[in-house]
Amino acid sequence: MQSTYGCLLIHGLGGGLHEVELLIKPLEEKGFVVASPKLKGHTGNWKDLKDTDYKQWIFSAETALLKLVQQCSKIYIVGQGIGGLIAIELATRYNIAALVCINTPAYSRYIIGASLSGNGKLPWNTVKNLRALLAKTKPLMPRIKIPVKIAQSEDDNSSRKQSAQYLMKHIPALVKQPSYYAHADHAILASNKGKELATDIISFFEMLERVKM
């Protein structure tokens, strides 16, 4: 027997469950079946990441989504960073109720620049796959007609406001809800604004349910 709601949480590039974990309990308390897969190669070891490609990242998320499809009649997807790109790609192939894109990049140069100025350097193969994922996903954005919440940190160096503006411009959904968070990190849910964003996401889903979208 299918549950009513499911939610797929997709973490970002080089990240993990900690980037979206704050949402699990609030969603489960609302009756959601929650899936939060670890993307292929995301072990915390750069070598493991280097040895994977963007198709494997998508497949990791899609495998978890297919399990939700068997359990739930209505599915939402929340994507952090490139998780938002993967969410968009999946939404063009599956019946998804709504998307939440958190600091989702539209320009690879910002991610690469932030990496070079930080403590780590993205493996070249990962850079190529990031660019390939963007090249695959950006042309799909005009096909997204379902409700979308676009959450953006004002202090994020790897996915800047320009990316949120790009998503707002190129996603033609009738319902688009932008939210900006000051003094928040790239992984907003894992930052000091995490509880605020989690509340906003739950409120967004509840609003959609009230208006039956």
Protein backbone atom coordinates (compact mmCIF):
# COMPACT_ATOMS: atom_id res chain seq x y z
CA MET A 1 0.00 0.00 0.00
CA GLN A 2 1.37 3.39 -0.98
CA SER A 3 1.98 6.17 1.51
CA THR A 4 0.88 9.63 0.41
CA TYR A 5 4.16 11.54 0.56
CA GLY A 6 7.77 10.80 -0.19
CA CYS A 7 10.79 13.08 -0.22
CA LEU A 8 14.15 12.46 -1.86
CA LEU A 9 17.04 14.43 -0.33
CA ILE A 10 20.10 14.76 -2.57
CA HIS A 11 23.38 16.11 -1.16
CA GLY A 12 25.94 18.14 -3.05
CA LEU A 13 29.28 17.65 -4.76
CA GLY A 14 31.85 16.21 -2.36
CA GLY A 15 29.28 16.33 0.42
CA GLY A 16 27.16 13.81 2.23
CA LEU A 17 24.16 13.15 4.42
CA HIS A 18 25.12 15.90 6.87
CA GLU A 19 24.13 18.50 4.24
CA VAL A 20 20.47 17.48 4.29
CA GLU A 21 20.13 15.51 7.53
CA LEU A 22 18.36 18.33 9.38
CA LEU A 23 15.29 17.82 7.18
CA ILE A 24 14.80 14.12 7.86
CA LYS A 25 13.08 14.25 11.25
CA PRO A 26 10.73 17.19 10.45
CA LEU A 27 9.64 15.49 7.23
CA GLU A 28 9.09 12.14 8.95
CA GLU A 29 7.05 13.87 11.64
CA LYS A 30 4.83 15.18 8.85
CA GLY A 31 4.32 11.64 7.56
CA PHE A 32 6.85 11.65 4.72
CA VAL A 33 8.82 8.60 3.67
CA VAL A 34 12.33 10.04 3.33
CA ALA A 35 15.23 8.76 1.22
CA SER A 36 18.70 10.31 1.38
CA PRO A 37 21.17 8.30 -0.70
CA LYS A 38 24.91 8.77 -0.77
CA LEU A 39 25.98 9.63 -4.30
CA LYS A 40 28.51 7.30 -5.91
CA GLY A 41 32.10 8.16 -5.00
CA HIS A 42 31.16 10.46 -2.12
CA THR A 43 33.15 8.73 0.60
CA GLY A 44 35.17 11.73 1.78
CA ASN A 45 38.12 10.52 -0.27
CA TRP A 46 38.95 12.66 -3.34
CA LYS A 47 40.23 9.58 -5.20
CA ASP A 48 36.84 7.87 -4.93
CA LEU A 49 35.16 11.02 -6.23
CA LYS A 50 37.65 11.29 -9.09
CA ASP A 51 36.86 7.76 -10.22
CA THR A 52 33.12 8.42 -10.71
CA ASP A 53 31.14 10.35 -13.29
CA TYR A 54 27.96 12.44 -13.24
CA LYS A 55 25.88 9.59 -14.68
CA GLN A 56 26.73 7.51 -11.62
CA TRP A 57 25.73 10.41 -9.36
CA ILE A 58 22.36 10.59 -11.11
CA PHE A 59 21.96 6.81 -10.95
CA SER A 60 22.54 6.82 -7.18
CA ALA A 61 19.72 9.31 -6.69
CA GLU A 62 17.47 7.63 -9.25
CA THR A 63 17.82 4.25 -7.54
CA ALA A 64 16.53 5.76 -4.28
CA LEU A 65 13.77 7.58 -6.17
CA LEU A 66 12.53 4.36 -7.73
CA LYS A 67 12.09 2.86 -4.27
CA LEU A 68 10.06 5.90 -3.22
CA VAL A 69 7.92 5.58 -6.35
CA GLN A 70 6.90 2.11 -5.18
CA GLN A 71 5.91 3.42 -1.73
CA CYS A 72 4.50 6.89 -2.34
CA SER A 73 1.89 8.49 -4.56
CA LYS A 74 3.35 12.01 -4.33
CA ILE A 75 7.07 12.74 -4.29
CA TYR A 76 9.06 15.90 -3.62
CA ILE A 77 12.78 16.32 -4.21
CA VAL A 78 15.19 18.55 -2.27
CA GLY A 79 18.63 19.00 -3.81
CA GLN A 80 21.66 20.68 -2.25
CA GLY A 81 24.21 22.10 -4.70
CA ILE A 82 24.52 19.74 -7.66
CA GLY A 83 21.78 17.73 -5.95
CA GLY A 84 19.49 20.44 -7.30
CA LEU A 85 20.74 19.78 -10.82
CA ILE A 86 20.12 16.07 -10.37
CA ALA A 87 16.64 16.88 -9.02
CA ILE A 88 15.87 18.88 -12.16
CA GLU A 89 17.08 16.06 -14.39
CA LEU A 90 14.95 13.49 -12.55
CA ALA A 91 11.90 15.76 -12.64
CA THR A 92 11.95 15.67 -16.44
CA ARG A 93 11.60 11.87 -16.38
CA TYR A 94 9.42 11.16 -13.35
CA ASN A 95 6.16 12.47 -11.94
CA ILE A 96 7.51 14.77 -9.23
CA ALA A 97 5.22 17.08 -7.25
CA ALA A 98 7.73 19.87 -6.51
CA LEU A 99 11.42 20.69 -6.25
CA VAL A 100 13.58 22.55 -3.77
CA CYS A 101 16.95 23.67 -5.14
CA ILE A 102 19.43 24.82 -2.48
CA ASN A 103 22.46 26.78 -3.71
CA THR A 104 22.16 25.01 -7.02
CA PRO A 105 24.88 26.09 -9.45
CA ALA A 106 24.32 27.38 -12.96
CA TYR A 107 27.99 28.27 -13.54
CA SER A 108 30.87 25.88 -12.92
CA ARG A 109 33.47 28.65 -12.70
CA TYR A 110 32.29 29.70 -9.26
CA ILE A 111 32.58 26.18 -7.84
CA ILE A 112 36.02 25.69 -9.35
CA GLY A 113 37.18 29.09 -8.10
CA ALA A 114 35.91 28.45 -4.59
CA SER A 115 37.66 25.09 -4.58
CA LEU A 116 40.97 26.56 -5.68
CA SER A 117 40.82 29.28 -3.03
CA GLY A 118 39.87 26.82 -0.29
CA ASN A 119 41.64 23.90 1.32
CA GLY A 120 41.01 21.38 -1.44
CA LYS A 121 41.21 21.19 -5.20
CA LEU A 122 38.57 19.38 -7.20
CA PRO A 123 40.02 16.49 -9.23
CA TRP A 124 40.12 17.38 -12.92
CA ASN A 125 37.83 14.47 -13.79
CA THR A 126 35.30 15.80 -11.27
CA VAL A 127 35.51 19.26 -12.84
CA LYS A 128 34.81 17.74 -16.26
CA ASN A 129 31.83 15.83 -14.89
CA LEU A 130 30.47 18.89 -13.13
CA ARG A 131 30.58 20.74 -16.43
CA ALA A 132 28.97 17.78 -18.21
CA LEU A 133 26.17 17.69 -15.63
CA LEU A 134 25.56 21.41 -16.10
CA ALA A 135 25.59 21.00 -19.88
CA LYS A 136 22.99 18.23 -19.60
CA THR A 137 20.78 19.95 -17.04
CA LYS A 138 20.61 23.61 -18.07
CA PRO A 139 18.74 22.90 -21.34
CA LEU A 140 16.19 20.90 -19.31
CA MET A 141 15.24 23.81 -17.03
CA PRO A 142 12.60 25.23 -19.43
CA ARG A 143 10.77 21.91 -19.13
CA ILE A 144 10.22 22.31 -15.39
CA LYS A 145 6.60 23.37 -14.86
CA ILE A 146 6.11 22.00 -11.35
CA PRO A 147 6.45 24.27 -8.27
CA VAL A 148 10.03 25.13 -7.34
CA LYS A 149 11.58 26.71 -4.26
CA ILE A 150 14.99 28.25 -4.91
CA ALA A 151 17.00 28.75 -1.71
CA GLN A 152 20.21 30.75 -1.98
CA SER A 153 22.86 31.72 0.54
CA GLU A 154 23.95 35.32 0.12
CA ASP A 155 27.43 34.34 1.24
CA ASP A 156 27.99 31.29 -0.96
CA ASN A 157 31.13 31.60 -3.08
CA SER A 158 30.56 28.41 -5.07
CA SER A 159 26.97 28.98 -6.15
CA ARG A 160 26.31 32.69 -6.16
CA LYS A 161 23.18 34.78 -6.55
CA GLN A 162 23.72 34.72 -10.29
CA SER A 163 22.90 31.00 -10.24
CA ALA A 164 19.64 31.54 -8.34
CA GLN A 165 18.77 34.31 -10.78
CA TYR A 166 19.48 31.98 -13.70
CA LEU A 167 17.15 29.33 -12.27
CA MET A 168 14.44 31.91 -11.64
CA LYS A 169 14.70 33.14 -15.23
CA HIS A 170 14.91 29.82 -17.05
CA ILE A 171 12.49 27.66 -15.06
CA PRO A 172 9.00 28.60 -16.31
CA ALA A 173 7.02 27.14 -13.40
CA LEU A 174 4.02 29.21 -12.38
CA VAL A 175 4.99 28.75 -8.73
CA LYS A 176 8.59 29.82 -8.03
CA GLN A 177 9.54 30.81 -4.51
CA PRO A 178 12.98 32.38 -4.06
CA SER A 179 14.46 32.62 -0.57
CA TYR A 180 17.75 34.25 0.38
CA TYR A 181 19.68 33.56 3.58
CA ALA A 182 22.31 35.90 4.97
CA HIS A 183 25.34 34.60 6.88
CA ALA A 184 24.71 31.04 5.68
CA ASP A 185 27.20 28.59 4.21
CA HIS A 186 26.97 26.70 0.91
CA ALA A 187 25.24 23.82 2.72
CA ILE A 188 22.54 26.02 4.27
CA LEU A 189 20.79 23.18 6.08
CA ALA A 190 24.04 22.39 7.90
CA SER A 191 24.66 26.05 8.77
CA ASN A 192 23.27 28.36 11.44
CA LYS A 193 20.35 29.06 9.09
CA GLY A 194 19.52 25.38 8.78
CA LYS A 195 16.46 25.37 11.03
CA GLU A 196 15.08 28.44 9.28
CA LEU A 197 15.43 26.83 5.87
CA ALA A 198 13.99 23.52 7.10
CA THR A 199 10.94 25.38 8.41
CA ASP A 200 10.61 27.25 5.12
CA ILE A 201 10.75 24.02 3.11
CA ILE A 202 8.08 22.36 5.23
CA SER A 203 5.92 25.49 4.90
CA PHE A 204 6.40 25.42 1.12
CA PHE A 205 5.22 21.81 0.92
CA GLU A 206 2.24 22.57 3.19
CA MET A 207 1.29 25.56 1.05
CA LEU A 208 1.31 23.40 -2.07
CA GLU A 209 -0.89 20.85 -0.35
CA ARG A 210 -3.38 23.53 0.73
CA VAL A 211 -3.76 24.80 -2.83
CA LYS A 212 -3.63 21.23 -4.21
CA MET A 213 -0.66 21.79 -6.50
